Amino acid sequence: MKQALFTVKENFSLTQTVYKMTLCGDCSDITAPGQFVNIKIDGLFLRRPISVCDREGDTLTIIYKVVGKGTDIMSKMISGTVLDVLTGLGNGYDLSLCGESPLLLGGGVGVPPMYLLAKELRNMGKNVSVILGFNTKSEVFYENEFKALGCNVTVTTADGTYGTKGFVTDAMPETYTYFCCCGPEPMLKAVYKATNTSGQFSFEERMGCGFGACMGCSCKTITGYKRICKEGPVMKKEEILWED
């Protein structure tokens, strides 16, 4: 973990509620897809944890949804704004497990961390299939960015207004060597039941400190309690215990 100052380069909307922000600063502690950053916002006590969408040199890209006061403040930030950011948080995905034809599944704001993962897997020469799930056509984002990486991309919408009607599990291919996913818990549970290989899940959870000190985001696994912010957010399929 590293605390550093980042400067906003650009900040604009991708959809009515989803924004893309690029920041300039020290990205050296961001070492794996699936890690996240924790951003301090003036006037608010808790930082806001946001997954890393991409990092290239000293440029960091995050994509976030406006859901409360903190992210609303973020959506109004202009170029040149300086932010206090904790970077390199969480464990990220283990790319060595993915095999030759991995399947990536992202739902809503679970899509952004799939981008850096897909990018690195494509750089390794993997045949990457991606399924992006949204509620409706107006919420779709980053389809073309995944295609530009050379991924096989399928988009699903719950109401059928774009792509395949249904959920990410309705568009899964018959064969793949491994899977990685990120999204809301109902989606993760559905993927868990529908997949026939091992895989990795990235969990979304409300956090206090974001680096393991407060224990506020602990969850039960087959090997005991783990902190989503520290030992997670990525966990292997075999260690997950779903609570009713």
Protein backbone atom coordinates (compact mmCIF):
# COMPACT_ATOMS: atom_id res chain seq x y z
CA MET A 1 0.00 0.00 0.00
CA LYS A 2 1.19 3.51 -0.78
CA GLN A 3 -0.28 6.92 -0.04
CA ALA A 4 0.27 9.38 -2.86
CA LEU A 5 -1.08 12.54 -4.45
CA PHE A 6 -2.76 12.15 -7.83
CA THR A 7 -3.90 14.88 -10.21
CA VAL A 8 -7.14 14.57 -12.17
CA LYS A 9 -6.41 14.66 -15.91
CA GLU A 10 -9.98 14.15 -17.12
CA ASN A 11 -13.35 13.23 -15.66
CA PHE A 12 -16.43 12.67 -17.80
CA SER A 13 -19.63 10.62 -17.99
CA LEU A 14 -19.88 7.34 -19.88
CA THR A 15 -23.58 6.93 -19.09
CA GLN A 16 -26.11 8.91 -17.08
CA THR A 17 -24.64 7.66 -13.79
CA VAL A 18 -21.23 6.15 -14.64
CA TYR A 19 -18.09 8.29 -14.91
CA LYS A 20 -14.54 7.74 -16.11
CA MET A 21 -11.68 9.52 -14.36
CA THR A 22 -8.02 9.44 -15.33
CA LEU A 23 -5.43 10.42 -12.76
CA CYS A 24 -1.71 11.12 -12.93
CA GLY A 25 0.56 9.94 -10.11
CA ASP A 26 2.68 7.11 -8.71
CA CYS A 27 1.07 3.85 -9.83
CA SER A 28 4.00 1.60 -8.84
CA ASP A 29 2.07 -0.18 -6.06
CA ILE A 30 -0.68 -1.26 -8.46
CA THR A 31 0.70 -4.64 -9.48
CA ALA A 32 -2.30 -6.84 -10.34
CA PRO A 33 -5.68 -6.52 -12.07
CA GLY A 34 -8.47 -6.49 -9.51
CA GLN A 35 -6.73 -4.24 -6.99
CA PHE A 36 -8.39 -1.02 -5.90
CA VAL A 37 -7.59 2.49 -4.68
CA ASN A 38 -9.09 4.41 -1.76
CA ILE A 39 -9.71 8.10 -2.41
CA LYS A 40 -9.92 10.80 0.25
CA ILE A 41 -12.70 13.33 -0.38
CA ASP A 42 -12.61 16.65 1.44
CA GLY A 43 -15.36 16.98 4.03
CA LEU A 44 -16.05 13.24 4.28
CA PHE A 45 -14.64 10.95 6.97
CA LEU A 46 -14.34 7.70 5.01
CA ARG A 47 -12.37 7.30 1.80
CA ARG A 48 -14.11 5.90 -1.29
CA PRO A 49 -12.81 2.53 -2.57
CA ILE A 50 -12.80 2.34 -6.38
CA SER A 51 -11.52 -0.57 -8.50
CA VAL A 52 -8.69 0.01 -10.94
CA CYS A 53 -9.82 -0.09 -14.57
CA ASP A 54 -6.39 0.51 -16.14
CA ARG A 55 -2.93 1.77 -15.37
CA GLU A 56 -0.24 2.72 -17.84
CA GLY A 57 2.97 4.35 -16.60
CA ASP A 58 1.92 7.17 -14.29
CA THR A 59 -1.69 7.19 -15.54
CA LEU A 60 -4.46 5.54 -13.55
CA THR A 61 -7.99 5.01 -14.89
CA ILE A 62 -11.00 4.44 -12.66
CA ILE A 63 -14.68 4.07 -13.55
CA TYR A 64 -17.26 4.73 -10.87
CA LYS A 65 -21.01 4.99 -10.47
CA VAL A 66 -22.63 7.94 -8.72
CA VAL A 67 -24.52 6.31 -5.84
CA GLY A 68 -24.06 8.74 -2.93
CA LYS A 69 -22.50 11.95 -1.68
CA GLY A 70 -18.89 10.89 -2.19
CA THR A 71 -19.19 9.75 -5.78
CA ASP A 72 -21.41 12.76 -6.55
CA ILE A 73 -18.59 15.03 -5.38
CA MET A 74 -16.16 13.03 -7.52
CA SER A 75 -18.34 13.46 -10.61
CA LYS A 76 -17.95 17.25 -10.33
CA MET A 77 -14.14 17.25 -10.02
CA ILE A 78 -12.32 19.15 -12.74
CA SER A 79 -8.95 18.71 -14.41
CA GLY A 80 -6.14 19.75 -12.08
CA THR A 81 -7.85 18.63 -8.86
CA VAL A 82 -5.33 16.98 -6.52
CA LEU A 83 -6.45 13.88 -4.61
CA ASP A 84 -4.97 11.95 -1.69
CA VAL A 85 -5.06 8.30 -2.79
CA LEU A 86 -4.13 4.99 -1.17
CA THR A 87 -3.00 2.66 -3.97
CA GLY A 88 -2.16 -1.00 -4.37
CA LEU A 89 -4.96 -2.22 -2.10
CA GLY A 90 -6.30 -5.78 -2.25
CA ASN A 91 -4.82 -8.92 -3.74
CA GLY A 92 -5.98 -8.87 -7.38
CA TYR A 93 -6.43 -11.77 -9.81
CA ASP A 94 -3.89 -14.55 -10.24
CA LEU A 95 -3.29 -14.66 -13.99
CA SER A 96 -1.22 -17.84 -13.80
CA LEU A 97 -4.39 -19.88 -13.17
CA CYS A 98 -6.38 -18.70 -16.19
CA GLY A 99 -5.32 -21.18 -18.86
CA GLU A 100 -5.42 -20.51 -22.59
CA SER A 101 -9.09 -19.54 -23.02
CA PRO A 102 -10.32 -17.68 -19.93
CA LEU A 103 -13.85 -16.32 -19.59
CA LEU A 104 -14.31 -12.92 -17.93
CA LEU A 105 -17.72 -11.84 -16.62
CA GLY A 106 -18.47 -8.32 -15.43
CA GLY A 107 -21.76 -6.88 -14.25
CA GLY A 108 -22.38 -3.11 -14.07
CA VAL A 109 -19.60 -1.44 -12.10
CA GLY A 110 -17.98 -4.87 -11.93
CA VAL A 111 -16.96 -4.32 -15.57
CA PRO A 112 -13.99 -1.91 -15.00
CA PRO A 113 -11.55 -4.33 -13.27
CA MET A 114 -12.20 -6.83 -16.07
CA TYR A 115 -10.59 -4.40 -18.52
CA LEU A 116 -7.09 -4.44 -17.02
CA LEU A 117 -7.39 -8.19 -16.52
CA ALA A 118 -8.36 -8.71 -20.16
CA LYS A 119 -5.56 -6.41 -21.30
CA GLU A 120 -2.89 -8.34 -19.41
CA LEU A 121 -4.25 -11.73 -20.49
CA ARG A 122 -4.29 -10.60 -24.12
CA ASN A 123 -0.68 -9.42 -23.72
CA MET A 124 0.11 -12.99 -22.61
CA GLY A 125 -1.44 -14.30 -25.83
CA LYS A 126 -4.58 -15.74 -24.24
CA ASN A 127 -7.84 -16.20 -26.14
CA VAL A 128 -10.10 -14.07 -23.94
CA SER A 129 -13.90 -14.12 -23.99
CA VAL A 130 -15.74 -11.36 -22.13
CA ILE A 131 -19.40 -11.11 -21.12
CA LEU A 132 -20.59 -7.69 -19.96
CA GLY A 133 -23.93 -7.53 -18.16
CA PHE A 134 -26.19 -4.49 -17.75
CA ASN A 135 -29.83 -3.76 -16.98
CA THR A 136 -30.61 -1.83 -20.16
CA LYS A 137 -29.01 -0.35 -23.31
CA SER A 138 -28.44 3.11 -21.82
CA GLU A 139 -26.19 1.61 -19.13
CA VAL A 140 -23.79 -0.16 -21.52
CA PHE A 141 -20.18 1.04 -21.51
CA TYR A 142 -16.70 -0.17 -22.58
CA GLU A 143 -17.89 -2.72 -25.15
CA ASN A 144 -15.69 -1.23 -27.86
CA GLU A 145 -12.69 -0.91 -25.54
CA PHE A 146 -12.75 -4.66 -24.87
CA LYS A 147 -13.13 -5.36 -28.58
CA ALA A 148 -10.11 -3.17 -29.28
CA LEU A 149 -8.05 -5.50 -27.08
CA GLY A 150 -9.00 -8.39 -29.35
CA CYS A 151 -11.43 -10.04 -26.93
CA ASN A 152 -14.51 -12.00 -27.95
CA VAL A 153 -17.19 -9.73 -26.46
CA THR A 154 -20.83 -10.43 -25.65
CA VAL A 155 -23.15 -7.87 -24.04
CA THR A 156 -26.28 -8.85 -22.14
CA THR A 157 -29.12 -6.64 -20.94
CA ALA A 158 -31.77 -7.78 -18.48
CA ASP A 159 -34.55 -6.12 -20.48
CA GLY A 160 -33.28 -7.19 -23.92
CA THR A 161 -32.84 -3.66 -25.28
CA TYR A 162 -29.28 -4.45 -26.43
CA GLY A 163 -27.26 -7.58 -27.09
CA THR A 164 -28.42 -10.85 -25.58
CA LYS A 165 -31.52 -10.66 -23.40
CA GLY A 166 -30.91 -11.92 -19.89
CA PHE A 167 -27.95 -12.11 -17.54
CA VAL A 168 -24.27 -12.95 -18.00
CA THR A 169 -25.00 -16.59 -17.22
CA ASP A 170 -27.38 -16.71 -20.19
CA ALA A 171 -24.54 -15.99 -22.63
CA MET A 172 -21.80 -18.27 -21.34
CA PRO A 173 -19.95 -20.33 -23.95
CA GLU A 174 -19.81 -24.11 -23.67
CA THR A 175 -16.04 -24.27 -23.31
CA TYR A 176 -13.50 -22.15 -21.43
CA THR A 177 -10.46 -23.01 -19.35
CA TYR A 178 -11.14 -20.78 -16.34
CA PHE A 179 -13.26 -17.82 -15.35
CA CYS A 180 -12.93 -14.53 -13.48
CA CYS A 181 -15.83 -12.32 -12.52
CA CYS A 182 -16.84 -9.18 -10.68
CA GLY A 183 -20.28 -7.76 -9.98
CA PRO A 184 -23.14 -7.64 -7.49
CA GLU A 185 -23.54 -10.63 -5.18
CA PRO A 186 -26.65 -12.09 -6.91
CA MET A 187 -24.63 -12.23 -10.14
CA LEU A 188 -21.66 -13.85 -8.39
CA LYS A 189 -23.90 -16.52 -6.87
CA ALA A 190 -25.43 -17.25 -10.28
CA VAL A 191 -21.99 -17.53 -11.89
CA TYR A 192 -20.84 -19.83 -9.08
CA LYS A 193 -23.71 -22.22 -9.83
CA ALA A 194 -23.42 -22.00 -13.63
CA THR A 195 -19.66 -22.48 -14.09
CA ASN A 196 -18.01 -25.86 -14.53
CA THR A 197 -14.38 -24.91 -13.95
CA SER A 198 -12.43 -23.27 -11.18
CA GLY A 199 -12.37 -19.48 -11.11
CA GLN A 200 -11.91 -16.28 -9.17
CA PHE A 201 -14.53 -13.90 -7.80
CA SER A 202 -14.06 -10.24 -6.91
CA PHE A 203 -16.40 -9.11 -4.15
CA GLU A 204 -17.90 -5.67 -3.68
CA GLU A 205 -18.23 -4.63 -0.05
CA ARG A 206 -18.65 -1.47 2.03
CA MET A 207 -15.33 -0.68 3.69
CA GLY A 208 -14.07 1.36 6.59
CA CYS A 209 -10.28 1.69 6.42
CA GLY A 210 -9.72 -0.22 3.17
CA PHE A 211 -6.44 -1.82 4.27
CA GLY A 212 -7.36 -4.44 6.86
CA ALA A 213 -7.17 -2.59 10.17
CA CYS A 214 -10.84 -2.22 11.09
CA MET A 215 -12.06 -5.75 10.18
CA GLY A 216 -15.34 -4.20 9.01
CA CYS A 217 -15.48 -6.07 5.70
CA SER A 218 -14.71 -9.59 6.94
CA CYS A 219 -16.43 -12.60 5.41
CA LYS A 220 -16.41 -16.29 6.25
CA THR A 221 -14.48 -18.72 4.03
CA ILE A 222 -13.59 -22.42 4.32
CA THR A 223 -10.31 -21.41 5.99
CA GLY A 224 -11.83 -18.87 8.38
CA TYR A 225 -12.65 -15.19 8.19
CA LYS A 226 -10.97 -13.05 5.54
CA ARG A 227 -11.02 -9.31 4.99
CA ILE A 228 -12.42 -8.29 1.60
CA CYS A 229 -10.06 -5.30 1.51
CA LYS A 230 -6.91 -7.21 2.46
CA GLU A 231 -7.08 -10.94 1.66
CA GLY A 232 -9.67 -10.07 -1.03
CA PRO A 233 -11.40 -8.65 -2.90
CA VAL A 234 -10.50 -11.60 -5.14
CA MET A 235 -11.17 -15.10 -3.84
CA LYS A 236 -10.99 -18.52 -5.46
CA LYS A 237 -14.19 -20.44 -6.12
CA GLU A 238 -13.16 -23.29 -3.85
CA GLU A 239 -12.80 -21.14 -0.73
CA ILE A 240 -16.14 -19.31 -0.88
CA LEU A 241 -18.94 -19.96 1.59
CA TRP A 242 -22.20 -18.29 0.60
CA GLU A 243 -24.39 -17.04 3.41
CA ASP A 244 -28.15 -17.39 3.07
